[in-house]
C-alpha atoms as a PDB file:
ATOM      1  CA  MET A   1      -1.182   5.489 -23.283  1.00  0.00           C
ATOM      2  CA  GLU A   2      -4.673   7.024 -22.622  1.00  0.00           C
ATOM      3  CA  LYS A   3      -6.851   5.486 -19.991  1.00  0.00           C
ATOM      4  CA  TYR A   4      -9.518   4.425 -22.208  1.00  0.00           C
ATOM      5  CA  LYS A   5      -7.312   3.084 -24.645  1.00  0.00           C
ATOM      6  CA  ARG A   6      -5.177   1.029 -21.819  1.00  0.00           C
ATOM      7  CA  LEU A   7      -8.747   0.440 -20.249  1.00  0.00           C
ATOM      8  CA  GLU A   8      -9.927  -1.223 -23.465  1.00  0.00           C
ATOM      9  CA  THR A   9      -6.530  -3.455 -23.925  1.00  0.00           C
ATOM     10  CA  LEU A  10      -6.880  -4.434 -20.089  1.00  0.00           C
ATOM     11  CA  ILE A  11     -10.416  -5.840 -20.666  1.00  0.00           C
ATOM     12  CA  ARG A  12      -8.538  -7.985 -24.002  1.00  0.00           C
ATOM     13  CA  ILE A  13      -6.331  -9.280 -21.915  1.00  0.00           C
ATOM     14  CA  LEU A  14      -8.560 -10.413 -19.314  1.00  0.00           C
ATOM     15  CA  GLU A  15     -11.152 -11.880 -22.230  1.00  0.00           C
ATOM     16  CA  ARG A  16      -8.168 -13.580 -23.533  1.00  0.00           C
ATOM     17  CA  SER A  17      -6.518 -15.031 -20.067  1.00  0.00           C
ATOM     18  CA  PRO A  18      -9.154 -14.263 -17.443  1.00  0.00           C
ATOM     19  CA  PHE A  19      -6.785 -16.040 -15.187  1.00  0.00           C
ATOM     20  CA  LEU A  20      -3.595 -14.191 -15.619  1.00  0.00           C
ATOM     21  CA  SER A  21      -2.480 -12.959 -12.406  1.00  0.00           C
ATOM     22  CA  LYS A  22      -1.847  -9.113 -11.563  1.00  0.00           C
ATOM     23  CA  GLN A  23       1.687  -9.553 -12.756  1.00  0.00           C
ATOM     24  CA  GLY A  24       0.969 -11.353 -15.732  1.00  0.00           C
ATOM     25  CA  ILE A  25      -1.112  -8.019 -16.713  1.00  0.00           C
ATOM     26  CA  ILE A  26       1.760  -5.395 -15.809  1.00  0.00           C
ATOM     27  CA  ASP A  27       4.099  -8.015 -17.512  1.00  0.00           C
ATOM     28  CA  TYR A  28       2.097  -7.706 -20.555  1.00  0.00           C
ATOM     29  CA  PHE A  29       1.875  -4.103 -20.718  1.00  0.00           C
ATOM     30  CA  GLU A  30       5.539  -3.921 -20.353  1.00  0.00           C
ATOM     31  CA  ASN A  31       6.095  -6.375 -22.860  1.00  0.00           C
ATOM     32  CA  HIS A  32       3.598  -5.660 -25.295  1.00  0.00           C
ATOM     33  CA  HIS A  33       3.206  -2.131 -25.093  1.00  0.00           C
ATOM     34  CA  ASP A  34       6.341  -0.674 -23.868  1.00  0.00           C
ATOM     35  CA  LEU A  35       4.073   0.555 -20.687  1.00  0.00           C
ATOM     36  CA  SER A  36       5.214   0.807 -17.296  1.00  0.00           C
ATOM     37  CA  LEU A  37       1.827   0.024 -15.437  1.00  0.00           C
ATOM     38  CA  PRO A  38       2.267   0.272 -11.670  1.00  0.00           C
ATOM     39  CA  ALA A  39       0.202  -2.218  -9.725  1.00  0.00           C
ATOM     40  CA  ARG A  40      -1.778   0.859  -7.831  1.00  0.00           C
ATOM     41  CA  THR A  41      -2.687   2.304 -11.462  1.00  0.00           C
ATOM     42  CA  LEU A  42      -3.720  -1.325 -12.232  1.00  0.00           C
ATOM     43  CA  GLU A  43      -6.077  -1.351  -8.794  1.00  0.00           C
ATOM     44  CA  ARG A  44      -7.518   1.774  -9.843  1.00  0.00           C
ATOM     45  CA  ASP A  45      -8.045   0.413 -13.533  1.00  0.00           C
ATOM     46  CA  PHE A  46     -10.151  -2.279 -12.028  1.00  0.00           C
ATOM     47  CA  GLN A  47     -12.008   0.238 -10.010  1.00  0.00           C
ATOM     48  CA  SER A  48     -12.714   2.566 -12.624  1.00  0.00           C
ATOM     49  CA  LEU A  49     -14.015  -0.547 -15.038  1.00  0.00           C
ATOM     50  CA  GLU A  50     -16.466  -1.226 -11.680  1.00  0.00           C
ATOM     51  CA  ILE A  51     -17.960   1.937 -11.574  1.00  0.00           C
ATOM     52  CA  ASP A  52     -17.824   3.076 -14.927  1.00  0.00           C
ATOM     53  CA  PHE A  53     -18.901   0.258 -17.315  1.00  0.00           C
ATOM     54  CA  HIS A  54     -20.103  -2.188 -14.671  1.00  0.00           C
ATOM     55  CA  ILE A  55     -17.261  -4.688 -15.545  1.00  0.00           C
ATOM     56  CA  ALA A  56     -16.033  -6.563 -11.871  1.00  0.00           C
ATOM     57  CA  VAL A  57     -13.175  -7.643 -12.210  1.00  0.00           C
ATOM     58  CA  LYS A  58     -12.416 -10.533  -9.088  1.00  0.00           C
ATOM     59  CA  TYR A  59      -9.523 -12.076  -8.518  1.00  0.00           C
ATOM     60  CA  ASP A  60      -7.905 -14.278  -4.997  1.00  0.00           C
ATOM     61  CA  ARG A  61      -5.994 -11.462  -3.496  1.00  0.00           C
ATOM     62  CA  MET A  62      -4.532 -14.872  -1.468  1.00  0.00           C
ATOM     63  CA  GLN A  63      -2.520 -15.443  -4.738  1.00  0.00           C
ATOM     64  CA  LEU A  64      -1.375 -12.726  -5.438  1.00  0.00           C
ATOM     65  CA  LYS A  65       1.978 -11.856  -3.833  1.00  0.00           C
ATOM     66  CA  MET A  66       3.631  -8.644  -5.276  1.00  0.00           C
END
């Protein structure tokens, strides 16, 4: 999946389910797009949204156990 398409999909996921965990996002990509999304790629996508598009993704890192 192309990076910008993945970012668009990520934004849509977060709009629909703003409190979804990182693992939930990874599972969504696997189940609905047949895409294995490593946690590190997801982190880079979060950074890209922040830097390139000024969209901040905030979450409680203490609750994320991967």
